[in-house]
């Protein structure tokens, strides 16, 4: 164990089982450790560095804003905050944005919006939020309660009440819940990232949207990991022709700086009034300058390339020796190996590729602009590690 790793163990809370790699620099889709060893980055900080490490345009935008003002709080107006809000509205057709610092915070905001809307329209007893089993929505007490994975709940009881989970794909179960509970909102991911890169059935997604419209339930789509070009559309719900009332996102939006966004549609755009919600760092001008740089470059050409690279990955892994199954969409791919996923990831690190895991799968979230040559090399190394 290195000197830095010993210090980390001594002073940093032991909440992470870190890989024995000390990353000191990088460029694009390649990062370098303290020994000068290079790795192709197929995880991008869990889907965060959307255009890779030290992207020049992103870096320029962030540095320029740092030279002006790094923080003002939401007591004052700043241009980067307004520009990102305007761009998000233009690209989604949704109306207003609340900026937070993370995906969990964006989901907290969405839940508050759904409950306030329902309380005002139907009565305070309409407070239940329905989510899916195997979902993941964050690590605060409320977003843990929303998360449909019981092992996350075990140590932190009592969680925030008012959450019910249903099985993805089971419309009858969902309709039963809606008929027996006072439901304010339904929150779901179109692809369950932490849950194992599971693509939720499109007919079910459209059925949920129709049910929400019929019953005046707030439909919230969690795009924290799936958003900002990751699946080959700007947001994954766009694959299914639905119109959510609320979209939450984070991760890739900031390109490496902490930012979350709760994007509000027409039905709920004015639910939050003065004093109803807030965030000291939300809409920070430096984070928003980075986000504007990322968001403004996610165009149709890039999205087509993301879809093309995603198809290449899925075809390369499908039926390959040592691979049981492949799932995902765009550059969000889950590979289920016959070996333990952790064993494959360890072998990949040794061979110069950084991957993630999700349940029993290798989770791959490369940069949206990863060069095809590097992508093919990384895929080849992963395939070798799976054998």
Protein backbone atom coordinates (compact mmCIF):
# COMPACT_ATOMS: atom_id res chain seq x y z
CA UNK A 1 0.00 0.00 0.00
CA UNK A 2 1.39 3.38 -1.03
CA UNK A 3 1.93 6.40 1.24
CA UNK A 4 -1.15 8.13 -0.21
CA UNK A 5 -3.31 5.03 0.22
CA UNK A 6 -2.21 4.77 3.86
CA UNK A 7 -3.12 8.42 4.44
CA UNK A 8 -6.49 7.86 2.78
CA UNK A 9 -7.16 4.90 5.05
CA UNK A 10 -6.20 6.98 8.08
CA UNK A 11 -8.14 10.16 7.34
CA UNK A 12 -10.93 9.47 4.81
CA UNK A 13 -14.18 7.82 5.92
CA UNK A 14 -14.11 4.21 4.85
CA UNK A 15 -17.16 4.28 2.61
CA UNK A 16 -15.37 3.30 -0.62
CA UNK A 17 -13.63 0.11 -1.65
CA UNK A 18 -11.18 1.87 -3.94
CA UNK A 19 -9.21 0.13 -6.68
CA UNK A 20 -5.41 0.27 -6.05
CA UNK A 21 -4.92 2.95 -8.73
CA UNK A 22 -3.81 6.54 -8.04
CA UNK A 23 -4.85 8.67 -10.99
CA UNK A 24 -2.80 11.83 -11.37
CA UNK A 25 -3.58 13.08 -14.88
CA UNK A 26 -5.32 12.29 -18.12
CA UNK A 27 -6.40 13.47 -21.54
CA UNK A 28 -9.56 12.46 -23.33
CA UNK A 29 -10.29 8.79 -22.68
CA UNK A 30 -6.85 7.96 -21.26
CA UNK A 31 -5.84 8.48 -17.63
CA UNK A 32 -2.38 8.03 -16.07
CA UNK A 33 -1.40 6.78 -12.63
CA UNK A 34 1.54 7.67 -10.37
CA UNK A 35 3.77 5.09 -12.06
CA UNK A 36 3.08 6.53 -15.50
CA UNK A 37 0.86 3.60 -16.51
CA UNK A 38 -1.95 4.56 -18.88
CA UNK A 39 -5.51 3.24 -18.80
CA UNK A 40 -8.39 3.56 -21.24
CA UNK A 41 -11.20 4.99 -19.14
CA UNK A 42 -14.44 3.06 -19.71
CA UNK A 43 -16.14 4.41 -16.58
CA UNK A 44 -15.73 8.21 -16.86
CA UNK A 45 -16.07 8.72 -13.11
CA UNK A 46 -19.40 6.84 -13.20
CA UNK A 47 -20.70 8.58 -16.29
CA UNK A 48 -19.51 12.07 -15.39
CA UNK A 49 -16.64 13.17 -17.66
CA UNK A 50 -18.86 13.20 -20.74
CA UNK A 51 -16.18 14.56 -23.08
CA UNK A 52 -13.29 12.86 -21.34
CA UNK A 53 -10.55 14.22 -19.09
CA UNK A 54 -9.23 17.78 -19.46
CA UNK A 55 -11.44 18.53 -22.48
CA UNK A 56 -10.10 21.79 -23.88
CA UNK A 57 -13.41 23.55 -24.55
CA UNK A 58 -14.85 22.56 -21.17
CA UNK A 59 -11.61 23.57 -19.43
CA UNK A 60 -11.58 26.93 -21.19
CA UNK A 61 -15.17 27.70 -20.17
CA UNK A 62 -14.51 26.76 -16.53
CA UNK A 63 -11.26 28.73 -16.27
CA UNK A 64 -12.84 31.79 -17.88
CA UNK A 65 -15.65 31.76 -15.32
CA UNK A 66 -13.21 31.18 -12.45
CA UNK A 67 -11.47 34.38 -13.53
CA UNK A 68 -14.75 36.31 -13.21
CA UNK A 69 -16.53 35.03 -10.09
CA UNK A 70 -16.62 31.53 -8.61
CA UNK A 71 -19.76 31.85 -6.46
CA UNK A 72 -22.49 34.35 -5.63
CA UNK A 73 -25.33 32.26 -4.08
CA UNK A 74 -28.88 32.44 -5.42
CA UNK A 75 -29.42 35.89 -3.92
CA UNK A 76 -28.10 37.31 -7.19
CA UNK A 77 -28.36 36.65 -10.93
CA UNK A 78 -25.53 35.05 -12.90
CA UNK A 79 -25.40 34.50 -16.64
CA UNK A 80 -24.16 30.85 -16.69
CA UNK A 81 -27.10 29.67 -14.57
CA UNK A 82 -29.66 31.33 -16.82
CA UNK A 83 -27.94 30.15 -20.02
CA UNK A 84 -27.98 26.49 -18.93
CA UNK A 85 -31.62 26.75 -17.85
CA UNK A 86 -32.58 28.28 -21.19
CA UNK A 87 -30.67 25.59 -23.11
CA UNK A 88 -32.20 22.73 -21.09
CA UNK A 89 -35.67 24.15 -21.71
CA UNK A 90 -35.01 24.54 -25.43
CA UNK A 91 -33.63 21.01 -25.81
CA UNK A 92 -36.39 19.27 -23.81
CA UNK A 93 -39.45 21.46 -24.32
CA UNK A 94 -39.84 21.58 -20.53
CA UNK A 95 -40.29 24.91 -18.82
CA UNK A 96 -38.26 25.64 -15.68
CA UNK A 97 -35.19 24.31 -13.92
CA UNK A 98 -34.14 24.04 -10.30
CA UNK A 99 -30.37 23.57 -9.99
CA UNK A 100 -28.88 21.38 -7.27
CA UNK A 101 -25.48 19.75 -6.67
CA UNK A 102 -26.17 16.08 -7.40
CA UNK A 103 -28.62 13.55 -8.73
CA UNK A 104 -29.91 12.75 -5.25
CA UNK A 105 -30.68 16.42 -4.65
CA UNK A 106 -32.41 16.70 -8.03
CA UNK A 107 -34.58 13.70 -7.06
CA UNK A 108 -35.33 15.22 -3.66
CA UNK A 109 -36.61 18.31 -5.47
CA UNK A 110 -38.73 16.20 -7.83
CA UNK A 111 -40.35 14.36 -4.90
CA UNK A 112 -41.15 17.67 -3.19
CA UNK A 113 -42.68 18.99 -6.42
CA UNK A 114 -44.87 15.89 -6.83
CA UNK A 115 -46.10 16.02 -3.24
CA UNK A 116 -46.82 19.75 -3.29
CA UNK A 117 -48.65 19.49 -6.61
CA UNK A 118 -50.78 16.60 -5.38
CA UNK A 119 -51.49 18.26 -2.02
CA UNK A 120 -52.69 21.41 -3.75
CA UNK A 121 -54.74 19.63 -6.43
CA UNK A 122 -56.11 16.61 -4.53
CA UNK A 123 -55.37 17.01 -0.84
CA UNK A 124 -52.48 16.47 1.59
CA UNK A 125 -53.24 12.75 1.87
CA UNK A 126 -52.01 12.29 -1.73
CA UNK A 127 -48.36 11.80 -0.85
CA UNK A 128 -47.34 8.29 -1.96
CA UNK A 129 -44.46 8.07 -4.43
CA UNK A 130 -44.24 4.88 -6.51
CA UNK A 131 -40.85 3.66 -7.75
CA UNK A 132 -39.57 0.42 -9.28
CA UNK A 133 -37.85 -2.50 -7.63
CA UNK A 134 -34.15 -2.56 -8.52
CA UNK A 135 -34.09 1.21 -8.96
CA UNK A 136 -31.52 3.61 -7.53
CA UNK A 137 -32.32 7.26 -6.82
CA UNK A 138 -29.67 8.44 -4.34
CA UNK A 139 -28.27 8.06 -0.83
CA UNK A 140 -30.11 10.66 1.23
CA UNK A 141 -32.71 9.18 3.58
CA UNK A 142 -35.54 10.15 1.23
CA UNK A 143 -33.89 8.99 -2.00
CA UNK A 144 -32.85 5.78 -0.25
CA UNK A 145 -36.51 5.26 0.58
CA UNK A 146 -37.26 5.83 -3.10
CA UNK A 147 -34.58 3.31 -4.12
CA UNK A 148 -36.09 -0.12 -4.70
CA UNK A 149 -33.21 -2.18 -3.31
CA UNK A 150 -33.70 -3.37 0.25
CA UNK A 151 -30.02 -3.89 1.08
CA UNK A 152 -29.57 -0.10 0.86
CA UNK A 153 -32.30 0.31 3.48
CA UNK A 154 -31.14 -2.10 6.16
CA UNK A 155 -28.81 0.10 8.24
CA UNK A 156 -30.72 3.38 8.11
CA UNK A 157 -34.20 2.76 9.46
CA UNK A 158 -36.55 4.48 9.76
CA UNK A 159 -36.46 5.86 6.24
CA UNK A 160 -38.75 8.60 4.97
CA UNK A 161 -42.27 7.13 4.75
CA UNK A 162 -44.57 7.25 1.75
CA UNK A 163 -42.76 5.12 -0.85
CA UNK A 164 -44.09 1.99 -2.56
CA UNK A 165 -42.13 -0.17 -5.04
CA UNK A 166 -43.52 -2.14 -7.97
CA UNK A 167 -41.96 -4.59 -10.40
CA UNK A 168 -40.75 -3.06 -13.67
CA UNK A 169 -42.97 -4.27 -16.49
CA UNK A 170 -45.94 -5.23 -14.30
CA UNK A 171 -48.74 -2.79 -15.23
CA UNK A 172 -51.38 -4.70 -13.29
CA UNK A 173 -49.38 -4.37 -10.08
CA UNK A 174 -48.91 -0.66 -10.72
CA UNK A 175 -52.62 -0.11 -11.42
CA UNK A 176 -53.46 -1.93 -8.20
CA UNK A 177 -51.14 0.37 -6.22
CA UNK A 178 -52.66 3.46 -7.84
CA UNK A 179 -56.17 2.23 -7.00
CA UNK A 180 -55.34 1.49 -3.35
CA UNK A 181 -52.93 4.32 -2.45
CA UNK A 182 -53.14 8.11 -2.59
CA UNK A 183 -50.41 8.47 -5.23
CA UNK A 184 -48.72 11.83 -5.83
CA UNK A 185 -46.06 10.74 -8.29
CA UNK A 186 -44.25 7.92 -10.07
CA UNK A 187 -40.45 8.10 -10.28
CA UNK A 188 -38.53 5.74 -12.55
CA UNK A 189 -35.40 5.20 -14.61
CA UNK A 190 -35.77 4.03 -18.22
CA UNK A 191 -32.52 2.09 -17.72
CA UNK A 192 -31.65 0.96 -14.20
CA UNK A 193 -27.92 1.67 -14.03
CA UNK A 194 -26.97 0.71 -10.47
CA UNK A 195 -29.58 -2.03 -10.64
CA UNK A 196 -27.63 -3.88 -13.34
CA UNK A 197 -28.00 -1.82 -16.55
CA UNK A 198 -31.54 -3.14 -17.04
CA UNK A 199 -33.52 -1.59 -19.90
CA UNK A 200 -37.12 -1.16 -18.77
CA UNK A 201 -39.68 -2.39 -21.30
CA UNK A 202 -40.83 0.39 -23.62
CA UNK A 203 -44.50 -0.61 -23.54
CA UNK A 204 -44.41 -0.42 -19.74
CA UNK A 205 -42.80 3.04 -19.85
CA UNK A 206 -45.49 4.28 -22.24
CA UNK A 207 -48.16 2.62 -20.10
CA UNK A 208 -46.91 4.41 -16.99
CA UNK A 209 -46.99 7.73 -18.85
CA UNK A 210 -50.57 7.11 -19.99
CA UNK A 211 -51.66 6.13 -16.47
CA UNK A 212 -50.08 9.27 -15.01
CA UNK A 213 -51.88 11.43 -17.54
CA UNK A 214 -55.22 9.73 -16.88
CA UNK A 215 -54.95 9.94 -13.08
CA UNK A 216 -53.19 13.34 -12.92
CA UNK A 217 -50.13 11.76 -11.28
CA UNK A 218 -46.78 13.53 -11.60
CA UNK A 219 -44.50 11.48 -13.87
CA UNK A 220 -40.83 11.85 -12.92
CA UNK A 221 -38.03 10.34 -15.02
CA UNK A 222 -34.65 9.91 -13.34
CA UNK A 223 -31.99 10.71 -15.96
CA UNK A 224 -29.10 11.07 -13.53
CA UNK A 225 -27.02 8.37 -15.22
CA UNK A 226 -28.92 7.92 -18.49
CA UNK A 227 -29.03 11.60 -19.40
CA UNK A 228 -26.99 14.10 -21.37
CA UNK A 229 -26.42 11.97 -24.46
CA UNK A 230 -25.49 8.73 -22.72
CA UNK A 231 -28.05 6.51 -24.49
CA UNK A 232 -27.93 8.05 -27.98
CA UNK A 233 -30.70 10.55 -27.21
CA UNK A 234 -30.26 13.67 -25.09
CA UNK A 235 -32.39 11.95 -22.41
CA UNK A 236 -33.41 8.31 -22.42
CA UNK A 237 -37.16 9.02 -22.16
CA UNK A 238 -36.92 10.48 -25.67
CA UNK A 239 -36.59 6.94 -27.06
CA UNK A 240 -40.19 6.24 -25.99
CA UNK A 241 -42.22 9.24 -27.16
CA UNK A 242 -43.41 10.22 -23.69
CA UNK A 243 -43.70 13.65 -22.07
CA UNK A 244 -42.61 13.57 -18.40
CA UNK A 245 -43.75 16.21 -15.95
CA UNK A 246 -40.33 16.23 -14.27
CA UNK A 247 -36.88 15.12 -15.47
CA UNK A 248 -33.94 14.88 -13.08
CA UNK A 249 -30.32 14.77 -14.17
CA UNK A 250 -26.74 15.25 -12.97
CA UNK A 251 -23.50 13.27 -13.60
CA UNK A 252 -22.57 13.96 -17.25
CA UNK A 253 -24.25 17.39 -17.24
CA UNK A 254 -21.32 19.08 -15.50
CA UNK A 255 -18.52 17.25 -17.29
CA UNK A 256 -16.73 16.74 -13.97
CA UNK A 257 -18.12 19.48 -11.72
CA UNK A 258 -20.98 18.82 -9.29
CA UNK A 259 -24.34 19.93 -10.67
CA UNK A 260 -27.84 18.50 -10.67
CA UNK A 261 -30.97 19.73 -12.38
CA UNK A 262 -34.65 19.16 -11.71
CA UNK A 263 -36.39 20.09 -14.97
CA UNK A 264 -40.06 20.98 -14.61
CA UNK A 265 -42.71 20.57 -17.31
CA UNK A 266 -45.74 22.76 -17.94
CA UNK A 267 -48.00 21.05 -15.39
CA UNK A 268 -45.64 21.62 -12.48
CA UNK A 269 -43.56 24.59 -13.63
CA UNK A 270 -45.00 26.94 -11.00
CA UNK A 271 -45.43 24.50 -8.11
CA UNK A 272 -42.35 25.76 -6.27
CA UNK A 273 -42.73 29.29 -4.99
CA UNK A 274 -40.53 31.64 -2.98
CA UNK A 275 -38.97 29.84 -0.01
CA UNK A 276 -40.26 26.37 -0.97
CA UNK A 277 -36.82 25.02 -1.85
CA UNK A 278 -33.24 26.19 -2.08
CA UNK A 279 -29.56 25.35 -2.41
CA UNK A 280 -26.49 27.38 -1.46
CA UNK A 281 -24.39 25.98 -4.30
CA UNK A 282 -27.18 25.21 -6.77
CA UNK A 283 -26.63 27.03 -10.06
CA UNK A 284 -23.01 27.80 -9.14
CA UNK A 285 -21.58 29.87 -12.04
CA UNK A 286 -18.46 27.71 -12.50
CA UNK A 287 -20.42 24.45 -12.54
CA UNK A 288 -22.95 26.02 -14.92
CA UNK A 289 -20.20 27.29 -17.23
CA UNK A 290 -18.95 23.72 -17.47
CA UNK A 291 -22.46 22.40 -18.00
CA UNK A 292 -23.17 24.87 -20.79
CA UNK A 293 -19.99 23.76 -22.55
CA UNK A 294 -21.12 20.13 -22.38
CA UNK A 295 -24.79 20.59 -23.19
CA UNK A 296 -24.24 22.94 -26.13
CA UNK A 297 -22.08 20.32 -27.88
CA UNK A 298 -24.48 17.38 -27.58
CA UNK A 299 -25.93 17.58 -31.09
CA UNK A 300 -27.54 15.10 -33.46
CA UNK A 301 -24.22 14.10 -35.01
CA UNK A 302 -22.71 13.25 -31.63
CA UNK A 303 -25.84 11.36 -30.57
CA UNK A 304 -25.71 9.31 -33.79
CA UNK A 305 -22.09 8.45 -33.05
CA UNK A 306 -23.00 7.43 -29.50
CA UNK A 307 -25.69 5.10 -30.86
CA UNK A 308 -23.29 3.66 -33.44
CA UNK A 309 -20.54 3.00 -30.88
CA UNK A 310 -23.08 1.46 -28.53
CA UNK A 311 -24.24 -0.95 -31.22
CA UNK A 312 -20.63 -1.88 -31.93
CA UNK A 313 -20.08 -2.69 -28.25
CA UNK A 314 -23.21 -4.78 -27.89
CA UNK A 315 -22.45 -6.78 -31.05
CA UNK A 316 -18.84 -7.33 -29.95
CA UNK A 317 -19.91 -8.76 -26.59
CA UNK A 318 -23.02 -10.68 -27.65
CA UNK A 319 -22.25 -14.39 -27.74
CA UNK A 320 -18.54 -13.90 -27.07
CA UNK A 321 -16.63 -16.54 -25.07
CA UNK A 322 -17.16 -16.00 -21.35
CA UNK A 323 -20.08 -13.59 -21.83
CA UNK A 324 -23.55 -14.66 -20.64
CA UNK A 325 -25.55 -11.59 -21.66
CA UNK A 326 -25.35 -7.95 -22.78
CA UNK A 327 -27.74 -5.12 -21.93
CA UNK A 328 -27.98 -1.37 -22.24
CA UNK A 329 -28.48 1.41 -24.75
CA UNK A 330 -25.98 3.73 -26.43
CA UNK A 331 -22.78 4.08 -24.42
CA UNK A 332 -24.38 2.61 -21.30
CA UNK A 333 -23.62 -1.09 -21.60
CA UNK A 334 -23.81 -3.95 -19.10
CA UNK A 335 -21.85 -7.15 -19.76
CA UNK A 336 -22.65 -10.22 -17.66
CA UNK A 337 -19.55 -12.44 -17.60
CA UNK A 338 -19.43 -16.10 -16.63
CA UNK A 339 -16.67 -15.21 -14.15
CA UNK A 340 -17.38 -12.88 -11.21
CA UNK A 341 -17.56 -9.31 -12.54
CA UNK A 342 -15.04 -8.09 -9.95
CA UNK A 343 -12.52 -10.62 -11.20
CA UNK A 344 -12.89 -9.39 -14.78
CA UNK A 345 -12.55 -5.74 -13.72
CA UNK A 346 -9.35 -6.57 -11.81
CA UNK A 347 -7.89 -8.28 -14.89
CA UNK A 348 -8.84 -5.28 -17.03
CA UNK A 349 -7.03 -2.90 -14.66
CA UNK A 350 -3.90 -5.00 -14.98
CA UNK A 351 -4.18 -4.77 -18.77
CA UNK A 352 -4.82 -1.00 -18.79
CA UNK A 353 -8.61 -0.59 -18.91
CA UNK A 354 -10.81 0.90 -16.16
CA UNK A 355 -14.34 -0.53 -15.88
CA UNK A 356 -17.19 -0.42 -13.38
CA UNK A 357 -19.54 -3.03 -11.99
CA UNK A 358 -23.30 -3.09 -11.43
CA UNK A 359 -24.66 -6.13 -9.61
CA UNK A 360 -23.26 -9.14 -11.50
CA UNK A 361 -22.29 -7.14 -14.57
CA UNK A 362 -19.39 -5.12 -15.90
CA UNK A 363 -20.76 -1.63 -16.45
CA UNK A 364 -19.28 0.41 -19.29
CA UNK A 365 -19.80 4.19 -19.52
CA UNK A 366 -17.07 5.55 -21.83
CA UNK A 367 -16.84 9.19 -22.85
CA UNK A 368 -19.38 10.20 -25.48
CA UNK A 369 -16.55 11.18 -27.83
CA UNK A 370 -14.18 8.24 -27.18
CA UNK A 371 -12.16 7.60 -30.35
CA UNK A 372 -13.22 4.37 -32.09
CA UNK A 373 -9.65 3.09 -32.03
CA UNK A 374 -9.47 3.36 -28.24
CA UNK A 375 -12.96 1.89 -27.85
CA UNK A 376 -12.05 -1.16 -29.93
CA UNK A 377 -8.82 -1.66 -28.01
CA UNK A 378 -10.66 -1.49 -24.67
CA UNK A 379 -13.39 -3.87 -25.86
CA UNK A 380 -10.72 -6.33 -26.98
CA UNK A 381 -9.05 -6.26 -23.56
CA UNK A 382 -12.39 -6.75 -21.78
CA UNK A 383 -13.24 -9.68 -24.05
CA UNK A 384 -9.89 -11.30 -23.24
CA UNK A 385 -10.50 -10.81 -19.53
CA UNK A 386 -13.91 -12.49 -19.82
CA UNK A 387 -12.51 -15.71 -21.33
